[in-house]
């Protein structure tokens, strides 16, 4: 963000109950930062540190704010920067958050990978796209983002936008082989009991040279229990999409960092905030040949529960 000639970014803006932590950098070589503070509530107990090492940005460009909010969090809280020359620059917490999030689609990360895939798909108006698990239970219908001849949504449960109700573990039983140009699957692989079996199934229904974009989570809270099975890192994709399953990985990404904190602090966990997880793990793959492996296991023989139906 650039305001009044000063450039600053909040790379970390997080809250834990009524504690707010903001970390970032402030660049002003000719008028250095001397104070940073949180504004917008009376009597805020806070600590502001400046002149911190911020790697490539600058040896003394970093700042950190920690504040205890007796009246709770609101988006209209603000950060005030004061420089050695006596000038002040202010930005609301909402502005700082929106500014930082805006970097995700434009510069790097999972959103950029998705946009790259979407542009590839939309160059082929005649394409057939398969969306695995695309039921719009989260008020998200990805079909609206693609301009193609046919967009088929397959889901284990019926829904307003679902075309085929089937289990992705056995979808080649209801779909023609090599019949899709592209495959999409968003936030589904963590709910698959055997994602390696679904990777083989994708190979069966995808055309040679066809591409797939798949996103899931590396770090996120348990959800849709009892069908929350997996967390997948960027390097874990190699176990699913490889020469044996008939794929090459085009690109992969971890994005949207998250803190990982224990409920009970103990020896060995005193610096847990230094660890990092990622909400998003995404990959783009290309089919380079048929799968040389199979997994002839019926999911129903392994699990007796079903995907929860009481979700909005």
Protein backbone atom coordinates (compact mmCIF):
# COMPACT_ATOMS: atom_id res chain seq x y z
CA UNK A 1 0.00 0.00 0.00
CA UNK A 2 1.26 3.48 -0.85
CA UNK A 3 -0.21 6.41 1.06
CA UNK A 4 1.09 9.98 1.26
CA UNK A 5 4.32 8.85 -0.37
CA UNK A 6 5.02 6.07 2.15
CA UNK A 7 4.89 2.36 1.29
CA UNK A 8 3.85 -0.28 3.82
CA UNK A 9 2.35 -3.77 3.96
CA UNK A 10 0.91 -5.93 6.75
CA UNK A 11 2.14 -9.41 5.82
CA UNK A 12 0.57 -10.89 8.95
CA UNK A 13 -2.71 -9.69 10.43
CA UNK A 14 -4.26 -12.18 12.81
CA UNK A 15 -6.33 -12.34 15.98
CA UNK A 16 -6.54 -14.86 18.79
CA UNK A 17 -9.67 -14.15 20.82
CA UNK A 18 -9.16 -10.50 21.87
CA UNK A 19 -5.47 -10.33 21.01
CA UNK A 20 -4.51 -8.74 17.69
CA UNK A 21 -1.10 -9.20 16.07
CA UNK A 22 0.05 -7.24 13.02
CA UNK A 23 3.46 -7.68 11.40
CA UNK A 24 4.80 -6.06 8.28
CA UNK A 25 7.16 -3.53 6.82
CA UNK A 26 7.30 0.24 6.31
CA UNK A 27 9.62 1.85 3.77
CA UNK A 28 10.71 5.46 4.15
CA UNK A 29 14.49 5.83 3.64
CA UNK A 30 14.50 9.63 4.08
CA UNK A 31 12.03 9.82 6.96
CA UNK A 32 12.33 6.67 9.09
CA UNK A 33 9.53 5.19 11.16
CA UNK A 34 9.77 5.95 14.87
CA UNK A 35 6.42 4.67 16.17
CA UNK A 36 3.60 2.33 15.20
CA UNK A 37 0.37 2.04 17.16
CA UNK A 38 -3.17 0.71 17.00
CA UNK A 39 -5.97 3.29 17.05
CA UNK A 40 -9.77 3.16 17.15
CA UNK A 41 -10.48 2.17 20.76
CA UNK A 42 -9.83 3.92 24.04
CA UNK A 43 -7.30 2.46 26.44
CA UNK A 44 -5.83 -0.21 24.16
CA UNK A 45 -3.07 -2.15 25.88
CA UNK A 46 -0.48 -2.54 23.19
CA UNK A 47 3.14 -2.90 22.27
CA UNK A 48 4.66 -1.63 19.04
CA UNK A 49 8.14 -2.62 17.84
CA UNK A 50 9.97 -1.01 14.91
CA UNK A 51 13.31 -1.36 13.18
CA UNK A 52 13.03 -5.14 12.89
CA UNK A 53 14.96 -7.13 10.30
CA UNK A 54 12.73 -7.89 7.33
CA UNK A 55 15.01 -9.85 5.05
CA UNK A 56 15.06 -8.65 1.46
CA UNK A 57 12.82 -5.66 2.26
CA UNK A 58 15.35 -4.13 4.64
CA UNK A 59 17.42 -4.74 7.77
CA UNK A 60 15.31 -2.29 9.80
CA UNK A 61 12.11 -2.09 7.76
CA UNK A 62 9.98 -4.41 9.88
CA UNK A 63 7.37 -3.58 12.49
CA UNK A 64 5.19 -5.57 14.87
CA UNK A 65 2.07 -4.64 16.83
CA UNK A 66 0.51 -6.66 19.64
CA UNK A 67 -2.69 -5.39 21.21
CA UNK A 68 -5.21 -6.54 23.79
CA UNK A 69 -8.69 -5.45 22.73
CA UNK A 70 -10.91 -5.13 25.79
CA UNK A 71 -13.86 -4.19 23.58
CA UNK A 72 -13.27 -6.89 21.00
CA UNK A 73 -12.22 -6.79 17.37
CA UNK A 74 -13.74 -4.51 14.74
CA UNK A 75 -12.63 -3.91 11.17
CA UNK A 76 -12.48 -0.14 11.64
CA UNK A 77 -9.53 -0.36 14.01
CA UNK A 78 -6.56 1.37 12.46
CA UNK A 79 -2.78 1.47 12.44
CA UNK A 80 -0.96 4.77 12.77
CA UNK A 81 2.62 5.17 11.61
CA UNK A 82 4.66 8.15 12.86
CA UNK A 83 7.93 9.11 11.21
CA UNK A 84 11.00 10.92 12.49
CA UNK A 85 9.91 14.02 10.58
CA UNK A 86 6.66 14.15 12.55
CA UNK A 87 4.38 12.97 9.77
CA UNK A 88 1.65 10.39 10.42
CA UNK A 89 0.07 7.89 8.06
CA UNK A 90 -3.00 5.85 8.92
CA UNK A 91 -4.78 2.83 7.47
CA UNK A 92 -7.66 0.76 8.81
CA UNK A 93 -7.19 -2.91 9.61
CA UNK A 94 -9.67 -3.71 6.84
CA UNK A 95 -7.64 -1.72 4.32
CA UNK A 96 -4.44 -3.48 5.36
CA UNK A 97 -6.10 -6.89 5.09
CA UNK A 98 -7.65 -6.19 1.68
CA UNK A 99 -4.37 -4.78 0.40
CA UNK A 100 -2.40 -7.87 1.43
CA UNK A 101 -4.96 -10.31 0.06
CA UNK A 102 -4.89 -8.47 -3.27
CA UNK A 103 -1.34 -9.69 -3.81
CA UNK A 104 -2.42 -13.32 -3.96
CA UNK A 105 -4.17 -13.35 -7.36
CA UNK A 106 -1.86 -10.85 -9.02
CA UNK A 107 1.59 -12.07 -8.11
CA UNK A 108 1.78 -15.68 -6.99
CA UNK A 109 0.04 -18.50 -5.26
CA UNK A 110 -2.94 -20.79 -5.54
CA UNK A 111 -5.23 -18.16 -7.05
CA UNK A 112 -2.69 -17.42 -9.78
CA UNK A 113 -2.37 -21.15 -10.52
CA UNK A 114 -6.15 -21.46 -10.78
CA UNK A 115 -6.33 -18.43 -13.08
CA UNK A 116 -3.64 -19.92 -15.30
CA UNK A 117 -5.59 -23.16 -15.56
CA UNK A 118 -8.85 -21.30 -16.21
CA UNK A 119 -7.28 -19.34 -19.06
CA UNK A 120 -5.97 -22.55 -20.62
CA UNK A 121 -9.43 -24.12 -20.46
CA UNK A 122 -11.25 -21.07 -21.79
CA UNK A 123 -9.11 -21.07 -24.91
CA UNK A 124 -10.96 -24.22 -25.96
CA UNK A 125 -14.64 -23.42 -26.33
CA UNK A 126 -15.37 -26.98 -27.49
CA UNK A 127 -13.89 -28.57 -24.36
CA UNK A 128 -15.64 -30.93 -21.97
CA UNK A 129 -14.85 -30.28 -18.29
CA UNK A 130 -15.50 -32.61 -15.38
CA UNK A 131 -15.90 -31.06 -11.93
CA UNK A 132 -15.38 -33.66 -9.20
CA UNK A 133 -17.29 -32.77 -6.03
CA UNK A 134 -18.55 -29.47 -7.42
CA UNK A 135 -21.89 -29.37 -5.59
CA UNK A 136 -22.49 -25.75 -4.58
CA UNK A 137 -22.98 -26.43 -0.87
CA UNK A 138 -20.56 -23.55 -0.10
CA UNK A 139 -22.44 -21.25 -2.48
CA UNK A 140 -19.65 -21.75 -5.00
CA UNK A 141 -20.37 -22.99 -8.53
CA UNK A 142 -17.12 -23.04 -10.49
CA UNK A 143 -18.94 -23.70 -13.76
CA UNK A 144 -19.61 -19.97 -14.00
CA UNK A 145 -15.88 -19.36 -14.48
CA UNK A 146 -15.51 -21.55 -17.56
CA UNK A 147 -16.72 -20.86 -21.11
CA UNK A 148 -16.82 -24.35 -22.56
CA UNK A 149 -19.17 -26.57 -24.52
CA UNK A 150 -19.97 -28.85 -21.62
CA UNK A 151 -19.33 -28.65 -17.88
CA UNK A 152 -20.30 -31.76 -15.95
CA UNK A 153 -20.51 -31.76 -12.14
CA UNK A 154 -20.12 -35.14 -10.47
CA UNK A 155 -20.79 -35.38 -6.75
CA UNK A 156 -21.50 -38.08 -4.21
CA UNK A 157 -24.64 -36.18 -3.20
CA UNK A 158 -27.39 -34.54 -5.29
CA UNK A 159 -27.60 -30.77 -5.58
CA UNK A 160 -29.00 -28.00 -7.74
CA UNK A 161 -25.95 -27.96 -10.00
CA UNK A 162 -25.04 -31.66 -9.86
CA UNK A 163 -25.33 -33.56 -13.16
CA UNK A 164 -24.18 -37.01 -12.06
CA UNK A 165 -24.49 -38.50 -8.58
CA UNK A 166 -21.66 -41.00 -8.20
CA UNK A 167 -18.65 -41.88 -6.09
CA UNK A 168 -15.44 -40.42 -7.52
CA UNK A 169 -13.62 -43.60 -6.42
CA UNK A 170 -15.54 -45.50 -9.12
CA UNK A 171 -16.53 -42.75 -11.58
CA UNK A 172 -15.10 -44.59 -14.59
CA UNK A 173 -18.02 -47.00 -14.18
CA UNK A 174 -20.46 -44.23 -15.16
CA UNK A 175 -18.24 -42.05 -17.37
CA UNK A 176 -16.80 -42.89 -20.78
CA UNK A 177 -13.02 -43.44 -20.91
CA UNK A 178 -10.92 -40.55 -22.24
CA UNK A 179 -14.02 -38.40 -22.60
CA UNK A 180 -12.97 -35.18 -20.84
CA UNK A 181 -10.46 -32.53 -21.83
CA UNK A 182 -10.11 -31.07 -18.34
CA UNK A 183 -10.84 -31.98 -14.74
CA UNK A 184 -11.49 -29.59 -11.84
CA UNK A 185 -11.72 -30.47 -8.16
CA UNK A 186 -11.80 -27.84 -5.41
CA UNK A 187 -11.57 -28.71 -1.70
CA UNK A 188 -12.57 -32.33 -2.25
CA UNK A 189 -9.43 -34.46 -1.96
CA UNK A 190 -9.34 -34.14 1.83
CA UNK A 191 -12.74 -35.87 1.86
CA UNK A 192 -11.69 -38.82 -0.32
CA UNK A 193 -10.99 -42.02 1.59
CA UNK A 194 -8.55 -43.17 -1.12
CA UNK A 195 -7.36 -40.17 -3.16
CA UNK A 196 -4.80 -42.38 -4.94
CA UNK A 197 -7.68 -44.43 -6.35
CA UNK A 198 -9.39 -41.24 -7.55
CA UNK A 199 -6.15 -40.17 -9.27
CA UNK A 200 -6.31 -43.41 -11.27
CA UNK A 201 -9.98 -42.78 -12.04
CA UNK A 202 -9.15 -39.28 -13.30
CA UNK A 203 -6.59 -40.82 -15.63
CA UNK A 204 -9.23 -43.15 -17.03
CA UNK A 205 -11.74 -40.45 -17.92
CA UNK A 206 -9.25 -37.75 -18.99
CA UNK A 207 -7.98 -37.53 -22.57
CA UNK A 208 -4.29 -37.92 -23.31
CA UNK A 209 -2.72 -34.48 -22.88
CA UNK A 210 -5.68 -33.32 -20.82
CA UNK A 211 -5.05 -31.28 -17.70
CA UNK A 212 -6.49 -31.21 -14.20
CA UNK A 213 -6.49 -28.56 -11.49
CA UNK A 214 -6.97 -29.83 -7.96
CA UNK A 215 -6.97 -27.91 -4.69
CA UNK A 216 -7.19 -29.12 -1.12
CA UNK A 217 -5.72 -28.16 2.25
CA UNK A 218 -2.42 -28.68 4.01
CA UNK A 219 -3.58 -27.06 7.25
CA UNK A 220 -7.19 -26.43 8.23
CA UNK A 221 -9.56 -27.41 11.02
CA UNK A 222 -11.50 -30.65 10.91
CA UNK A 223 -14.76 -30.28 8.98
CA UNK A 224 -17.53 -32.35 7.39
CA UNK A 225 -16.85 -35.12 9.90
CA UNK A 226 -16.60 -38.06 9.78
CA UNK A 227 -15.49 -37.68 6.15
CA UNK A 228 -12.41 -35.56 6.75
CA UNK A 229 -9.52 -37.89 5.96
CA UNK A 230 -6.43 -36.13 4.63
CA UNK A 231 -4.15 -33.10 4.55
CA UNK A 232 -1.86 -32.81 1.52
CA UNK A 233 1.35 -30.80 1.21
CA UNK A 234 2.87 -29.58 -2.04
CA UNK A 235 5.33 -32.49 -2.12
CA UNK A 236 2.62 -35.07 -1.36
CA UNK A 237 1.15 -34.57 -4.84
CA UNK A 238 4.00 -36.73 -6.19
CA UNK A 239 2.44 -39.74 -4.49
CA UNK A 240 -0.82 -39.22 -6.39
CA UNK A 241 0.20 -37.85 -9.78
CA UNK A 242 3.28 -39.52 -11.22
CA UNK A 243 4.48 -41.69 -14.08
CA UNK A 244 2.84 -44.77 -12.54
CA UNK A 245 -0.58 -43.12 -12.39
CA UNK A 246 -0.01 -41.61 -15.86
CA UNK A 247 0.63 -37.96 -15.04
CA UNK A 248 3.25 -35.26 -14.90
CA UNK A 249 2.97 -32.35 -12.51
CA UNK A 250 2.90 -29.02 -14.35
CA UNK A 251 2.90 -26.78 -11.28
CA UNK A 252 2.17 -26.96 -7.57
CA UNK A 253 1.72 -24.42 -4.81
CA UNK A 254 1.20 -23.94 -1.10
CA UNK A 255 -0.58 -20.74 -0.20
CA UNK A 256 -2.45 -18.76 2.47
CA UNK A 257 -0.15 -19.34 5.48
CA UNK A 258 -1.65 -20.21 8.85
CA UNK A 259 -0.37 -20.40 12.41
CA UNK A 260 -0.40 -23.78 14.16
CA UNK A 261 -0.80 -23.46 17.93
CA UNK A 262 -1.37 -26.09 20.62
CA UNK A 263 -4.31 -25.80 23.00
CA UNK A 264 -1.92 -26.55 25.89
CA UNK A 265 1.51 -24.94 25.85
CA UNK A 266 4.28 -27.27 27.02
CA UNK A 267 7.99 -27.91 26.67
CA UNK A 268 8.85 -28.37 23.03
CA UNK A 269 5.92 -26.14 21.97
CA UNK A 270 7.03 -22.80 23.40
CA UNK A 271 7.75 -21.37 19.94
CA UNK A 272 4.92 -22.96 17.99
CA UNK A 273 4.01 -19.64 16.40
CA UNK A 274 7.21 -19.91 14.37
CA UNK A 275 5.82 -22.94 12.54
CA UNK A 276 3.71 -22.38 9.48
CA UNK A 277 0.94 -24.29 7.75
CA UNK A 278 -0.92 -23.48 4.57
CA UNK A 279 -4.65 -23.41 4.05
CA UNK A 280 -4.33 -24.12 0.34
CA UNK A 281 -2.42 -26.83 -1.49
CA UNK A 282 -3.03 -26.92 -5.22
CA UNK A 283 -1.63 -28.68 -8.27
CA UNK A 284 -1.99 -28.67 -12.04
CA UNK A 285 -1.28 -31.98 -13.75
CA UNK A 286 -1.25 -33.34 -17.30
CA UNK A 287 -2.11 -36.86 -18.44
CA UNK A 288 0.92 -38.31 -20.25
CA UNK A 289 -0.25 -41.90 -20.60
CA UNK A 290 -2.46 -44.60 -19.11
CA UNK A 291 -2.06 -45.56 -15.49
CA UNK A 292 0.08 -48.66 -15.01
CA UNK A 293 -1.38 -49.29 -11.55
CA UNK A 294 -4.84 -50.17 -10.27
CA UNK A 295 -6.49 -50.18 -6.88
CA UNK A 296 -9.36 -52.67 -7.08
CA UNK A 297 -10.72 -51.93 -3.62
CA UNK A 298 -14.39 -51.13 -2.98
CA UNK A 299 -14.67 -48.10 -0.71
CA UNK A 300 -17.88 -49.47 0.77
CA UNK A 301 -15.96 -52.46 2.12
CA UNK A 302 -13.67 -50.18 4.11
CA UNK A 303 -16.01 -47.62 5.63
CA UNK A 304 -19.52 -47.81 7.00
CA UNK A 305 -20.23 -44.10 7.42
CA UNK A 306 -21.47 -41.68 4.77
CA UNK A 307 -20.81 -38.07 3.87
CA UNK A 308 -22.80 -35.86 6.27
CA UNK A 309 -26.09 -34.59 4.89
CA UNK A 310 -26.86 -31.90 7.50
CA UNK A 311 -24.49 -29.31 6.01
CA UNK A 312 -25.60 -26.01 4.58
